Each structure stands twice: as C-alpha cells, then as structure tokens.
Amino acid sequence: MSVRKSKRMKVIIEYKGSIVEAERDERGLYSCPICNKYLFYSPSDLMHHIVSHAKGIIKHVRPAPRRH
C-alpha cells in the first residue's frame, strides 16, 4: 500500500465582490478553508458552501437516518 500526499497550492478566489483564500489540489478541486472536509469543482460552489457556514445552515443539517 502506498500513501500519496496531494500537492496543494494556495489560491485567492474573487467571487461577486468577496475574496477568499483557499487551497486547490492537483486535480483542480477547491477545499473549504473553514472545515477542510469538502472538495468543490468551481469557485461558485465553494462560495455557496462558505455562505452556508456563515448562515449556520451546516450546523443544523440533520444526519441521515440509520437502520439498526
């Protein structure tokens, strides 16, 4: 088993008047600078995710129901 560390570079995203510093990997995916959990294909997707952090929507999302 080999472990490959992805190369990430810092980028500045300017979207509709907002400026955010994020990281982009070698595949071109942007990572959320707040939670570092999710990857996004476009700067607009990342910005919508960041807005949901600001509005508190992510905290209030219910987890998927589990079967026992």
PDB file of N, CA and C in Angstrom:
ATOM      1  N   MET A   1       0.834  -1.168   0.000  1.00  0.00           N
ATOM      2  CA  MET A   1       0.000   0.000   0.000  1.00  0.00           C
ATOM      3  C   MET A   1       0.886   1.241   0.000  1.00  0.00           C
ATOM      4  N   SER A   2       0.603   2.137  -0.901  1.00  0.00           N
ATOM      5  CA  SER A   2       1.398   3.358  -0.953  1.00  0.00           C
ATOM      6  C   SER A   2       0.534   4.546  -0.558  1.00  0.00           C
ATOM      7  N   VAL A   3       1.145   5.473   0.111  1.00  0.00           N
ATOM      8  CA  VAL A   3       0.452   6.678   0.537  1.00  0.00           C
ATOM      9  C   VAL A   3       0.965   7.820  -0.329  1.00  0.00           C
ATOM     10  N   ARG A   4       0.032   8.479  -0.989  1.00  0.00           N
ATOM     11  CA  ARG A   4       0.419   9.586  -1.854  1.00  0.00           C
ATOM     12  C   ARG A   4      -0.115  10.874  -1.271  1.00  0.00           C
ATOM     13  N   LYS A   5       0.748  11.806  -1.023  1.00  0.00           N
ATOM     14  CA  LYS A   5       0.322  13.085  -0.472  1.00  0.00           C
ATOM     15  C   LYS A   5       0.023  14.026  -1.638  1.00  0.00           C
ATOM     16  N   SER A   6      -1.148  14.624  -1.610  1.00  0.00           N
ATOM     17  CA  SER A   6      -1.518  15.508  -2.702  1.00  0.00           C
ATOM     18  C   SER A   6      -0.854  16.865  -2.533  1.00  0.00           C
ATOM     19  N   LYS A   7      -0.475  17.434  -3.645  1.00  0.00           N
ATOM     20  CA  LYS A   7       0.115  18.767  -3.631  1.00  0.00           C
ATOM     21  C   LYS A   7      -1.015  19.778  -3.661  1.00  0.00           C
ATOM     22  N   ARG A   8      -0.977  20.698  -2.739  1.00  0.00           N
ATOM     23  CA  ARG A   8      -1.997  21.740  -2.673  1.00  0.00           C
ATOM     24  C   ARG A   8      -1.324  23.090  -2.788  1.00  0.00           C
ATOM     25  N   MET A   9      -1.982  23.982  -3.512  1.00  0.00           N
ATOM     26  CA  MET A   9      -1.458  25.337  -3.605  1.00  0.00           C
ATOM     27  C   MET A   9      -2.520  26.318  -3.161  1.00  0.00           C
ATOM     28  N   LYS A  10      -2.072  27.375  -2.548  1.00  0.00           N
ATOM     29  CA  LYS A  10      -2.990  28.415  -2.078  1.00  0.00           C
ATOM     30  C   LYS A  10      -3.418  29.261  -3.269  1.00  0.00           C
ATOM     31  N   VAL A  11      -4.720  29.543  -3.334  1.00  0.00           N
ATOM     32  CA  VAL A  11      -5.258  30.407  -4.380  1.00  0.00           C
ATOM     33  C   VAL A  11      -6.169  31.442  -3.736  1.00  0.00           C
ATOM     34  N   ILE A  12      -6.315  32.560  -4.395  1.00  0.00           N
ATOM     35  CA  ILE A  12      -7.240  33.597  -3.940  1.00  0.00           C
ATOM     36  C   ILE A  12      -8.414  33.605  -4.892  1.00  0.00           C
ATOM     37  N   ILE A  13      -9.603  33.421  -4.341  1.00  0.00           N
ATOM     38  CA  ILE A  13     -10.828  33.357  -5.136  1.00  0.00           C
ATOM     39  C   ILE A  13     -11.581  34.666  -4.943  1.00  0.00           C
ATOM     40  N   GLU A  14     -11.900  35.288  -6.044  1.00  0.00           N
ATOM     41  CA  GLU A  14     -12.694  36.512  -6.020  1.00  0.00           C
ATOM     42  C   GLU A  14     -14.009  36.187  -6.710  1.00  0.00           C
ATOM     43  N   TYR A  15     -15.107  36.287  -5.955  1.00  0.00           N
ATOM     44  CA  TYR A  15     -16.422  35.892  -6.485  1.00  0.00           C
ATOM     45  C   TYR A  15     -17.474  36.881  -5.997  1.00  0.00           C
ATOM     46  N   LYS A  16     -18.065  37.595  -6.920  1.00  0.00           N
ATOM     47  CA  LYS A  16     -19.133  38.561  -6.637  1.00  0.00           C
ATOM     48  C   LYS A  16     -18.779  39.515  -5.500  1.00  0.00           C
ATOM     49  N   GLY A  17     -17.567  40.046  -5.523  1.00  0.00           N
ATOM     50  CA  GLY A  17     -17.152  41.027  -4.526  1.00  0.00           C
ATOM     51  C   GLY A  17     -16.535  40.452  -3.272  1.00  0.00           C
ATOM     52  N   SER A  18     -16.555  39.153  -3.108  1.00  0.00           N
ATOM     53  CA  SER A  18     -15.947  38.512  -1.935  1.00  0.00           C
ATOM     54  C   SER A  18     -14.601  37.921  -2.319  1.00  0.00           C
ATOM     55  N   ILE A  19     -13.647  38.029  -1.408  1.00  0.00           N
ATOM     56  CA  ILE A  19     -12.315  37.479  -1.641  1.00  0.00           C
ATOM     57  C   ILE A  19     -12.030  36.451  -0.551  1.00  0.00           C
ATOM     58  N   VAL A  20     -11.664  35.245  -0.980  1.00  0.00           N
ATOM     59  CA  VAL A  20     -11.411  34.143  -0.048  1.00  0.00           C
ATOM     60  C   VAL A  20     -10.105  33.467  -0.446  1.00  0.00           C
ATOM     61  N   GLU A  21      -9.314  33.100   0.539  1.00  0.00           N
ATOM     62  CA  GLU A  21      -8.101  32.330   0.286  1.00  0.00           C
ATOM     63  C   GLU A  21      -8.419  30.867   0.555  1.00  0.00           C
ATOM     64  N   ALA A  22      -8.179  30.024  -0.436  1.00  0.00           N
ATOM     65  CA  ALA A  22      -8.476  28.599  -0.314  1.00  0.00           C
ATOM     66  C   ALA A  22      -7.300  27.802  -0.871  1.00  0.00           C
ATOM     67  N   GLU A  23      -7.425  26.486  -0.818  1.00  0.00           N
ATOM     68  CA  GLU A  23      -6.401  25.611  -1.385  1.00  0.00           C
ATOM     69  C   GLU A  23      -6.983  24.848  -2.563  1.00  0.00           C
ATOM     70  N   ARG A  24      -6.127  24.580  -3.530  1.00  0.00           N
ATOM     71  CA  ARG A  24      -6.525  23.837  -4.724  1.00  0.00           C
ATOM     72  C   ARG A  24      -5.540  22.693  -4.913  1.00  0.00           C
ATOM     73  N   ASP A  25      -6.054  21.490  -5.158  1.00  0.00           N
ATOM     74  CA  ASP A  25      -5.155  20.352  -5.326  1.00  0.00           C
ATOM     75  C   ASP A  25      -4.801  20.158  -6.796  1.00  0.00           C
ATOM     76  N   GLU A  26      -4.013  19.113  -7.067  1.00  0.00           N
ATOM     77  CA  GLU A  26      -3.523  18.901  -8.434  1.00  0.00           C
ATOM     78  C   GLU A  26      -4.636  18.515  -9.414  1.00  0.00           C
ATOM     79  N   ARG A  27      -5.770  18.080  -8.905  1.00  0.00           N
ATOM     80  CA  ARG A  27      -6.904  17.745  -9.780  1.00  0.00           C
ATOM     81  C   ARG A  27      -7.755  18.960 -10.098  1.00  0.00           C
ATOM     82  N   GLY A  28      -7.459  20.088  -9.461  1.00  0.00           N
ATOM     83  CA  GLY A  28      -8.210  21.311  -9.711  1.00  0.00           C
ATOM     84  C   GLY A  28      -9.392  21.500  -8.778  1.00  0.00           C
ATOM     85  N   LEU A  29      -9.456  20.720  -7.697  1.00  0.00           N
ATOM     86  CA  LEU A  29     -10.558  20.826  -6.749  1.00  0.00           C
ATOM     87  C   LEU A  29     -10.209  21.807  -5.636  1.00  0.00           C
ATOM     88  N   TYR A  30     -11.187  22.600  -5.251  1.00  0.00           N
ATOM     89  CA  TYR A  30     -11.006  23.591  -4.184  1.00  0.00           C
ATOM     90  C   TYR A  30     -11.463  22.989  -2.860  1.00  0.00           C
ATOM     91  N   SER A  31     -10.712  23.232  -1.786  1.00  0.00           N
ATOM     92  CA  SER A  31     -11.125  22.742  -0.468  1.00  0.00           C
ATOM     93  C   SER A  31     -11.630  23.912   0.365  1.00  0.00           C
ATOM     94  N   CYS A  32     -12.583  23.622   1.229  1.00  0.00           N
ATOM     95  CA  CYS A  32     -13.173  24.640   2.085  1.00  0.00           C
ATOM     96  C   CYS A  32     -12.136  25.084   3.118  1.00  0.00           C
ATOM     97  N   PRO A  33     -11.853  26.405   3.206  1.00  0.00           N
ATOM     98  CA  PRO A  33     -10.875  26.862   4.188  1.00  0.00           C
ATOM     99  C   PRO A  33     -11.401  26.845   5.621  1.00  0.00           C
ATOM    100  N   ILE A  34     -12.699  26.666   5.804  1.00  0.00           N
ATOM    101  CA  ILE A  34     -13.286  26.665   7.144  1.00  0.00           C
ATOM    102  C   ILE A  34     -13.269  25.268   7.747  1.00  0.00           C
ATOM    103  N   CYS A  35     -13.776  24.287   7.011  1.00  0.00           N
ATOM    104  CA  CYS A  35     -13.902  22.949   7.589  1.00  0.00           C
ATOM    105  C   CYS A  35     -12.920  21.930   7.007  1.00  0.00           C
ATOM    106  N   ASN A  36     -12.341  22.187   5.847  1.00  0.00           N
ATOM    107  CA  ASN A  36     -11.411  21.263   5.169  1.00  0.00           C
ATOM    108  C   ASN A  36     -11.978  19.865   4.986  1.00  0.00           C
ATOM    109  N   LYS A  37     -13.306  19.740   4.918  1.00  0.00           N
ATOM    110  CA  LYS A  37     -13.941  18.440   4.733  1.00  0.00           C
ATOM    111  C   LYS A  37     -14.311  18.168   3.284  1.00  0.00           C
ATOM    112  N   TYR A  38     -14.738  19.207   2.602  1.00  0.00           N
ATOM    113  CA  TYR A  38     -15.352  19.027   1.295  1.00  0.00           C
ATOM    114  C   TYR A  38     -14.506  19.616   0.183  1.00  0.00           C
ATOM    115  N   LEU A  39     -14.636  19.017  -1.013  1.00  0.00           N
ATOM    116  CA  LEU A  39     -13.937  19.495  -2.195  1.00  0.00           C
ATOM    117  C   LEU A  39     -14.969  19.968  -3.212  1.00  0.00           C
ATOM    118  N   PHE A  40     -14.632  21.028  -3.936  1.00  0.00           N
ATOM    119  CA  PHE A  40     -15.566  21.630  -4.879  1.00  0.00           C
ATOM    120  C   PHE A  40     -14.904  21.819  -6.235  1.00  0.00           C
ATOM    121  N   TYR A  41     -15.712  21.668  -7.294  1.00  0.00           N
ATOM    122  CA  TYR A  41     -15.201  21.793  -8.650  1.00  0.00           C
ATOM    123  C   TYR A  41     -15.056  23.247  -9.095  1.00  0.00           C
ATOM    124  N   SER A  42     -15.910  24.128  -8.595  1.00  0.00           N
ATOM    125  CA  SER A  42     -15.882  25.509  -9.068  1.00  0.00           C
ATOM    126  C   SER A  42     -15.829  26.484  -7.890  1.00  0.00           C
ATOM    127  N   PRO A  43     -15.306  27.684  -8.134  1.00  0.00           N
ATOM    128  CA  PRO A  43     -15.289  28.688  -7.076  1.00  0.00           C
ATOM    129  C   PRO A  43     -16.697  29.064  -6.601  1.00  0.00           C
ATOM    130  N   SER A  44     -17.673  29.040  -7.499  1.00  0.00           N
ATOM    131  CA  SER A  44     -19.040  29.387  -7.073  1.00  0.00           C
ATOM    132  C   SER A  44     -19.599  28.343  -6.116  1.00  0.00           C
ATOM    133  N   ASP A  45     -19.311  27.065  -6.348  1.00  0.00           N
ATOM    134  CA  ASP A  45     -19.753  26.022  -5.414  1.00  0.00           C
ATOM    135  C   ASP A  45     -19.114  26.219  -4.039  1.00  0.00           C
ATOM    136  N   LEU A  46     -17.828  26.550  -4.031  1.00  0.00           N
ATOM    137  CA  LEU A  46     -17.129  26.801  -2.773  1.00  0.00           C
ATOM    138  C   LEU A  46     -17.736  27.991  -2.041  1.00  0.00           C
ATOM    139  N   MET A  47     -18.033  29.060  -2.767  1.00  0.00           N
ATOM    140  CA  MET A  47     -18.594  30.252  -2.134  1.00  0.00           C
ATOM    141  C   MET A  47     -19.992  29.988  -1.567  1.00  0.00           C
ATOM    142  N   HIS A  48     -20.805  29.192  -2.255  1.00  0.00           N
ATOM    143  CA  HIS A  48     -22.124  28.833  -1.713  1.00  0.00           C
ATOM    144  C   HIS A  48     -21.962  28.030  -0.421  1.00  0.00           C
ATOM    145  N   HIS A  49     -20.969  27.165  -0.381  1.00  0.00           N
ATOM    146  CA  HIS A  49     -20.696  26.380   0.826  1.00  0.00           C
ATOM    147  C   HIS A  49     -20.247  27.291   1.971  1.00  0.00           C
ATOM    148  N   ILE A  50     -19.394  28.266   1.678  1.00  0.00           N
ATOM    149  CA  ILE A  50     -18.923  29.202   2.704  1.00  0.00           C
ATOM    150  C   ILE A  50     -20.073  30.049   3.229  1.00  0.00           C
ATOM    151  N   VAL A  51     -20.986  30.456   2.354  1.00  0.00           N
ATOM    152  CA  VAL A  51     -22.168  31.211   2.788  1.00  0.00           C
ATOM    153  C   VAL A  51     -23.016  30.356   3.719  1.00  0.00           C
ATOM    154  N   SER A  52     -23.125  29.068   3.433  1.00  0.00           N
ATOM    155  CA  SER A  52     -23.908  28.203   4.321  1.00  0.00           C
ATOM    156  C   SER A  52     -23.240  28.079   5.690  1.00  0.00           C
ATOM    157  N   HIS A  53     -21.905  28.154   5.744  1.00  0.00           N
ATOM    158  CA  HIS A  53     -21.223  28.216   7.044  1.00  0.00           C
ATOM    159  C   HIS A  53     -21.633  29.492   7.776  1.00  0.00           C
ATOM    160  N   ALA A  54     -21.625  30.609   7.063  1.00  0.00           N
ATOM    161  CA  ALA A  54     -21.932  31.901   7.681  1.00  0.00           C
ATOM    162  C   ALA A  54     -23.366  31.965   8.185  1.00  0.00           C
ATOM    163  N   LYS A  55     -24.283  31.356   7.460  1.00  0.00           N
ATOM    164  CA  LYS A  55     -25.688  31.372   7.862  1.00  0.00           C
ATOM    165  C   LYS A  55     -25.999  30.327   8.932  1.00  0.00           C
ATOM    166  N   GLY A  56     -25.075  29.428   9.190  1.00  0.00           N
ATOM    167  CA  GLY A  56     -25.296  28.393  10.197  1.00  0.00           C
ATOM    168  C   GLY A  56     -26.106  27.222   9.693  1.00  0.00           C
ATOM    169  N   ILE A  57     -26.252  27.116   8.387  1.00  0.00           N
ATOM    170  CA  ILE A  57     -27.063  26.039   7.813  1.00  0.00           C
ATOM    171  C   ILE A  57     -26.409  24.680   8.027  1.00  0.00           C
ATOM    172  N   ILE A  58     -25.110  24.626   7.932  1.00  0.00           N
ATOM    173  CA  ILE A  58     -24.400  23.344   8.035  1.00  0.00           C
ATOM    174  C   ILE A  58     -24.553  22.748   9.433  1.00  0.00           C
ATOM    175  N   LYS A  59     -24.591  23.574  10.457  1.00  0.00           N
ATOM    176  CA  LYS A  59     -24.738  23.071  11.825  1.00  0.00           C
ATOM    177  C   LYS A  59     -26.102  22.447  12.046  1.00  0.00           C
ATOM    178  N   HIS A  60     -27.119  22.922  11.331  1.00  0.00           N
ATOM    179  CA  HIS A  60     -28.486  22.490  11.580  1.00  0.00           C
ATOM    180  C   HIS A  60     -28.961  21.371  10.666  1.00  0.00           C
ATOM    181  N   VAL A  61     -28.097  20.851   9.834  1.00  0.00           N
ATOM    182  CA  VAL A  61     -28.483  19.769   8.939  1.00  0.00           C
ATOM    183  C   VAL A  61     -28.572  18.481   9.747  1.00  0.00           C
ATOM    184  N   ARG A  62     -29.694  17.797   9.594  1.00  0.00           N
ATOM    185  CA  ARG A  62     -29.869  16.521  10.296  1.00  0.00           C
ATOM    186  C   ARG A  62     -29.075  15.438   9.602  1.00  0.00           C
ATOM    187  N   PRO A  63     -28.476  14.540  10.359  1.00  0.00           N
ATOM    188  CA  PRO A  63     -27.782  13.419   9.716  1.00  0.00           C
ATOM    189  C   PRO A  63     -28.796  12.447   9.086  1.00  0.00           C
ATOM    190  N   ALA A  64     -28.336  11.681   8.163  1.00  0.00           N
ATOM    191  CA  ALA A  64     -29.212  10.686   7.513  1.00  0.00           C
ATOM    192  C   ALA A  64     -29.646   9.643   8.539  1.00  0.00           C
ATOM    193  N   PRO A  65     -30.892   9.194   8.444  1.00  0.00           N
ATOM    194  CA  PRO A  65     -31.343   8.170   9.394  1.00  0.00           C
ATOM    195  C   PRO A  65     -30.587   6.865   9.197  1.00  0.00           C
ATOM    196  N   ARG A  66     -30.378   6.162  10.298  1.00  0.00           N
ATOM    197  CA  ARG A  66     -29.644   4.893  10.249  1.00  0.00           C
ATOM    198  C   ARG A  66     -30.579   3.746  10.572  1.00  0.00           C
ATOM    199  N   ARG A  67     -30.302   2.662   9.953  1.00  0.00           N
ATOM    200  CA  ARG A  67     -31.053   1.429  10.263  1.00  0.00           C
ATOM    201  C   ARG A  67     -30.285   0.647  11.310  1.00  0.00           C
ATOM    202  N   HIS A  68     -30.993   0.093  12.234  1.00  0.00           N
ATOM    203  CA  HIS A  68     -30.339  -0.650  13.313  1.00  0.00           C
ATOM    204  C   HIS A  68     -30.306  -2.112  12.997  1.00  0.00           C
TER     205      HIS A  68
END
